[in-house]
Structure formats: C-alpha cells, structure tokens
Amino acid sequence: MNATTNKGKPTTPPVKRRAAPKKRTAPKKAAARKAGADKSTTSPVNISAEERWRMVATAAYHRAEQRGFAPGHEVEDWLDAEKEIDAVLRPR
C-alpha cells in the first residue's frame, strides 16, 4: 500500500510546530513578599504558618480543657487562642 488518498493524490505528514517559549516571571510568593502582602504566612517573630497553627491549636485545646470540654465553644476557643498567640508573637 502506498501513501495516497482515495483520489490518487499523495498525502503529506502533519507539520510539527515548535511551541512558543514561556515568558519567565517572578514567583508569586517572592513578588508578594516584596509588596508586603504576604503577612498571613509569616509572623514578625519568623515562625512558619504551620508552627503558628500548632501553637494556636495547643492553646485552644487548653482553653477547652479548662471548660471541661463542654461542646459548642470550639470556634470561640480557637479565635481566643489566635488572639493570645498573636499577642505573644507580636514584637514589642
């Protein structure tokens, strides 16, 4: 069998085109840090967001423990713990 169509005309293979090169831009985190907009993931004391979360979780647990783990106050415990931890981490 040869490379012809039903009408007897030869077929050509599809032409591969090169993709246009991608534009290089600065990473979003670095750009946000330069603009000062990345305050939610770091604290003034230089701890990670994960470490801050652990501190808040521990403080919220202790608040719940003091109440005898009565249900219905979880959000209040968490928000109060966040305020407490942020006050401790805030530079003086």
N, C-alpha and C. Protein backbone atom coordinates (compact mmCIF):
# COMPACT_ATOMS: atom_id res chain seq x y z
N MET A 1 0.82 -1.17 0.00
CA MET A 1 0.00 0.00 0.00
C MET A 1 0.87 1.24 0.00
N ASN A 2 0.49 2.25 -0.73
CA ASN A 2 1.29 3.46 -0.80
C ASN A 2 0.59 4.59 -0.05
N ALA A 3 1.27 5.74 0.09
CA ALA A 3 0.76 6.88 0.85
C ALA A 3 -0.07 7.78 -0.04
N THR A 4 -1.19 7.26 -0.52
CA THR A 4 -2.06 8.08 -1.35
C THR A 4 -3.46 8.09 -0.75
N THR A 5 -4.24 9.09 -1.12
CA THR A 5 -5.62 9.17 -0.67
C THR A 5 -6.50 8.43 -1.64
N ASN A 6 -7.78 8.45 -1.40
CA ASN A 6 -8.72 7.77 -2.30
C ASN A 6 -8.71 8.36 -3.70
N LYS A 7 -8.36 9.63 -3.81
CA LYS A 7 -8.41 10.29 -5.12
C LYS A 7 -7.09 10.20 -5.86
N GLY A 8 -6.11 9.51 -5.31
CA GLY A 8 -4.85 9.33 -6.00
C GLY A 8 -3.82 10.41 -5.72
N LYS A 9 -4.14 11.38 -4.85
CA LYS A 9 -3.19 12.43 -4.52
C LYS A 9 -2.35 11.98 -3.32
N PRO A 10 -1.06 12.26 -3.36
CA PRO A 10 -0.21 11.85 -2.24
C PRO A 10 -0.53 12.67 -0.98
N THR A 11 -0.41 12.04 0.18
CA THR A 11 -0.64 12.73 1.44
C THR A 11 0.70 13.15 2.03
N THR A 12 0.66 14.19 2.83
CA THR A 12 1.88 14.65 3.48
C THR A 12 1.70 14.52 4.99
N PRO A 13 2.75 14.23 5.67
CA PRO A 13 2.63 14.11 7.12
C PRO A 13 2.35 15.48 7.74
N PRO A 14 1.68 15.52 8.88
CA PRO A 14 1.41 16.81 9.52
C PRO A 14 2.71 17.48 9.95
N VAL A 15 2.70 18.79 9.89
CA VAL A 15 3.87 19.57 10.23
C VAL A 15 3.86 19.83 11.74
N LYS A 16 4.97 19.52 12.39
CA LYS A 16 5.07 19.78 13.82
C LYS A 16 5.59 21.20 14.02
N ARG A 17 4.88 21.94 14.84
CA ARG A 17 5.30 23.31 15.12
C ARG A 17 5.89 23.36 16.52
N ARG A 18 6.89 24.17 16.66
CA ARG A 18 7.51 24.34 17.97
C ARG A 18 6.64 25.25 18.82
N ALA A 19 6.54 24.91 20.07
CA ALA A 19 5.75 25.73 20.98
C ALA A 19 6.51 27.02 21.26
N ALA A 20 5.76 28.08 21.45
CA ALA A 20 6.38 29.37 21.77
C ALA A 20 6.99 29.27 23.17
N PRO A 21 8.15 29.87 23.37
CA PRO A 21 8.76 29.80 24.69
C PRO A 21 7.91 30.54 25.72
N LYS A 22 7.88 29.98 26.95
CA LYS A 22 7.09 30.60 28.01
C LYS A 22 7.82 31.82 28.54
N LYS A 23 7.02 32.82 28.90
CA LYS A 23 7.61 34.02 29.49
C LYS A 23 8.01 33.70 30.92
N ARG A 24 9.13 34.17 31.32
CA ARG A 24 9.58 33.96 32.69
C ARG A 24 9.11 35.12 33.55
N THR A 25 8.47 34.77 34.65
CA THR A 25 8.02 35.78 35.59
C THR A 25 8.52 35.40 36.98
N ALA A 26 8.53 36.34 37.86
CA ALA A 26 8.96 36.08 39.23
C ALA A 26 7.91 35.21 39.91
N PRO A 27 8.35 34.34 40.81
CA PRO A 27 7.38 33.54 41.56
C PRO A 27 6.43 34.45 42.33
N LYS A 28 5.20 34.01 42.49
CA LYS A 28 4.19 34.84 43.13
C LYS A 28 4.54 35.15 44.58
N LYS A 29 5.10 34.18 45.30
CA LYS A 29 5.43 34.43 46.70
C LYS A 29 6.48 35.51 46.83
N ALA A 30 7.49 35.47 45.98
CA ALA A 30 8.55 36.47 46.06
C ALA A 30 8.00 37.85 45.73
N ALA A 31 7.13 37.91 44.74
CA ALA A 31 6.54 39.19 44.37
C ALA A 31 5.65 39.71 45.49
N ALA A 32 4.92 38.82 46.14
CA ALA A 32 4.04 39.24 47.23
C ALA A 32 4.86 39.73 48.42
N ARG A 33 5.98 39.04 48.70
CA ARG A 33 6.82 39.47 49.82
C ARG A 33 7.39 40.85 49.57
N LYS A 34 7.78 41.12 48.32
CA LYS A 34 8.32 42.43 48.01
C LYS A 34 7.27 43.51 48.20
N ALA A 35 6.02 43.17 47.89
CA ALA A 35 4.95 44.14 48.03
C ALA A 35 4.45 44.23 49.47
N GLY A 36 4.91 43.31 50.34
CA GLY A 36 4.48 43.31 51.73
C GLY A 36 3.10 42.72 51.93
N ALA A 37 2.63 41.92 50.97
CA ALA A 37 1.28 41.37 51.06
C ALA A 37 1.25 39.96 51.63
N ASP A 38 2.38 39.40 52.01
CA ASP A 38 2.45 38.01 52.45
C ASP A 38 2.50 37.93 53.97
N LYS A 39 1.69 38.69 54.67
CA LYS A 39 1.74 38.73 56.12
C LYS A 39 0.96 37.59 56.75
N SER A 40 0.14 36.87 55.99
CA SER A 40 -0.66 35.80 56.56
C SER A 40 0.14 34.53 56.81
N THR A 41 1.26 34.33 56.14
CA THR A 41 2.01 33.09 56.30
C THR A 41 3.22 33.24 57.22
N THR A 42 3.59 34.44 57.56
CA THR A 42 4.72 34.61 58.46
C THR A 42 4.33 35.59 59.55
N SER A 43 5.00 35.46 60.67
CA SER A 43 4.74 36.39 61.76
C SER A 43 5.98 37.25 61.96
N PRO A 44 5.86 38.30 62.73
CA PRO A 44 7.03 39.16 62.97
C PRO A 44 8.17 38.44 63.68
N VAL A 45 7.88 37.30 64.32
CA VAL A 45 8.90 36.57 65.06
C VAL A 45 9.59 35.53 64.18
N ASN A 46 9.20 35.41 62.95
CA ASN A 46 9.80 34.48 61.99
C ASN A 46 9.52 33.02 62.31
N ILE A 47 8.27 32.68 62.52
CA ILE A 47 7.89 31.27 62.62
C ILE A 47 7.03 30.95 61.42
N SER A 48 6.97 29.68 61.10
CA SER A 48 6.19 29.28 59.92
C SER A 48 4.70 29.30 60.27
N ALA A 49 3.90 29.30 59.24
CA ALA A 49 2.44 29.27 59.42
C ALA A 49 2.03 27.97 60.10
N GLU A 50 2.71 26.88 59.78
CA GLU A 50 2.41 25.60 60.41
C GLU A 50 2.72 25.62 61.90
N GLU A 51 3.84 26.22 62.26
CA GLU A 51 4.21 26.31 63.67
C GLU A 51 3.22 27.19 64.44
N ARG A 52 2.80 28.29 63.83
CA ARG A 52 1.80 29.17 64.46
C ARG A 52 0.50 28.41 64.65
N TRP A 53 0.09 27.63 63.64
CA TRP A 53 -1.13 26.85 63.72
C TRP A 53 -1.06 25.88 64.89
N ARG A 54 0.08 25.22 65.06
CA ARG A 54 0.25 24.28 66.18
C ARG A 54 0.14 24.98 67.51
N MET A 55 0.70 26.17 67.61
CA MET A 55 0.62 26.93 68.85
C MET A 55 -0.83 27.30 69.16
N VAL A 56 -1.57 27.73 68.15
CA VAL A 56 -2.97 28.10 68.34
C VAL A 56 -3.78 26.86 68.73
N ALA A 57 -3.52 25.73 68.07
CA ALA A 57 -4.25 24.51 68.37
C ALA A 57 -4.01 24.07 69.82
N THR A 58 -2.79 24.18 70.28
CA THR A 58 -2.47 23.81 71.65
C THR A 58 -3.16 24.74 72.64
N ALA A 59 -3.13 26.03 72.37
CA ALA A 59 -3.79 26.99 73.26
C ALA A 59 -5.30 26.77 73.27
N ALA A 60 -5.89 26.48 72.12
CA ALA A 60 -7.33 26.22 72.05
C ALA A 60 -7.67 24.95 72.82
N TYR A 61 -6.83 23.95 72.74
CA TYR A 61 -7.05 22.70 73.49
C TYR A 61 -7.06 22.98 74.99
N HIS A 62 -6.10 23.77 75.46
CA HIS A 62 -6.04 24.08 76.89
C HIS A 62 -7.25 24.88 77.34
N ARG A 63 -7.74 25.77 76.50
CA ARG A 63 -8.96 26.51 76.84
C ARG A 63 -10.14 25.55 76.97
N ALA A 64 -10.26 24.62 76.03
CA ALA A 64 -11.35 23.65 76.08
C ALA A 64 -11.22 22.75 77.32
N GLU A 65 -10.00 22.39 77.63
CA GLU A 65 -9.75 21.55 78.81
C GLU A 65 -10.19 22.26 80.09
N GLN A 66 -9.91 23.56 80.18
CA GLN A 66 -10.32 24.33 81.36
C GLN A 66 -11.84 24.38 81.50
N ARG A 67 -12.57 24.32 80.39
CA ARG A 67 -14.02 24.33 80.42
C ARG A 67 -14.59 22.94 80.62
N GLY A 68 -13.77 21.92 80.70
CA GLY A 68 -14.24 20.55 80.83
C GLY A 68 -14.70 19.97 79.50
N PHE A 69 -14.20 20.50 78.41
CA PHE A 69 -14.52 20.05 77.05
C PHE A 69 -16.02 20.10 76.74
N ALA A 70 -16.70 21.08 77.31
CA ALA A 70 -18.13 21.26 77.01
C ALA A 70 -18.28 21.63 75.54
N PRO A 71 -19.18 20.95 74.80
CA PRO A 71 -19.31 21.23 73.37
C PRO A 71 -19.97 22.57 73.10
N GLY A 72 -19.71 23.09 71.89
CA GLY A 72 -20.36 24.31 71.45
C GLY A 72 -19.50 25.55 71.55
N HIS A 73 -18.27 25.43 72.03
CA HIS A 73 -17.41 26.60 72.19
C HIS A 73 -16.11 26.48 71.41
N GLU A 74 -16.07 25.58 70.44
CA GLU A 74 -14.83 25.30 69.72
C GLU A 74 -14.32 26.52 68.95
N VAL A 75 -15.21 27.19 68.24
CA VAL A 75 -14.80 28.35 67.44
C VAL A 75 -14.34 29.48 68.36
N GLU A 76 -15.06 29.69 69.43
CA GLU A 76 -14.69 30.73 70.39
C GLU A 76 -13.31 30.44 70.99
N ASP A 77 -13.06 29.16 71.34
CA ASP A 77 -11.75 28.78 71.87
C ASP A 77 -10.66 29.05 70.86
N TRP A 78 -10.92 28.71 69.60
CA TRP A 78 -9.91 28.89 68.55
C TRP A 78 -9.59 30.37 68.34
N LEU A 79 -10.64 31.19 68.24
CA LEU A 79 -10.42 32.62 67.98
C LEU A 79 -9.71 33.29 69.16
N ASP A 80 -10.09 32.92 70.38
CA ASP A 80 -9.41 33.47 71.56
C ASP A 80 -7.94 33.02 71.60
N ALA A 81 -7.69 31.77 71.23
CA ALA A 81 -6.32 31.26 71.20
C ALA A 81 -5.49 31.99 70.14
N GLU A 82 -6.09 32.28 68.98
CA GLU A 82 -5.37 33.04 67.95
C GLU A 82 -4.97 34.42 68.46
N LYS A 83 -5.89 35.09 69.14
CA LYS A 83 -5.58 36.42 69.69
C LYS A 83 -4.45 36.32 70.71
N GLU A 84 -4.52 35.31 71.55
CA GLU A 84 -3.49 35.12 72.58
C GLU A 84 -2.12 34.87 71.95
N ILE A 85 -2.04 33.98 70.99
CA ILE A 85 -0.76 33.63 70.36
C ILE A 85 -0.23 34.82 69.56
N ASP A 86 -1.09 35.52 68.83
CA ASP A 86 -0.64 36.68 68.07
C ASP A 86 -0.11 37.77 68.98
N ALA A 87 -0.71 37.91 70.17
CA ALA A 87 -0.21 38.90 71.12
C ALA A 87 1.18 38.51 71.64
N VAL A 88 1.39 37.22 71.83
CA VAL A 88 2.70 36.74 72.30
C VAL A 88 3.75 36.92 71.21
N LEU A 89 3.38 36.68 69.97
CA LEU A 89 4.34 36.74 68.85
C LEU A 89 4.60 38.17 68.37
N ARG A 90 3.75 39.10 68.71
CA ARG A 90 3.91 40.49 68.25
C ARG A 90 5.15 41.12 68.89
N PRO A 91 6.00 41.74 68.07
CA PRO A 91 7.19 42.39 68.64
C PRO A 91 6.79 43.61 69.49
N ARG A 92 7.57 43.85 70.47
CA ARG A 92 7.25 44.98 71.37
C ARG A 92 8.11 46.16 71.10
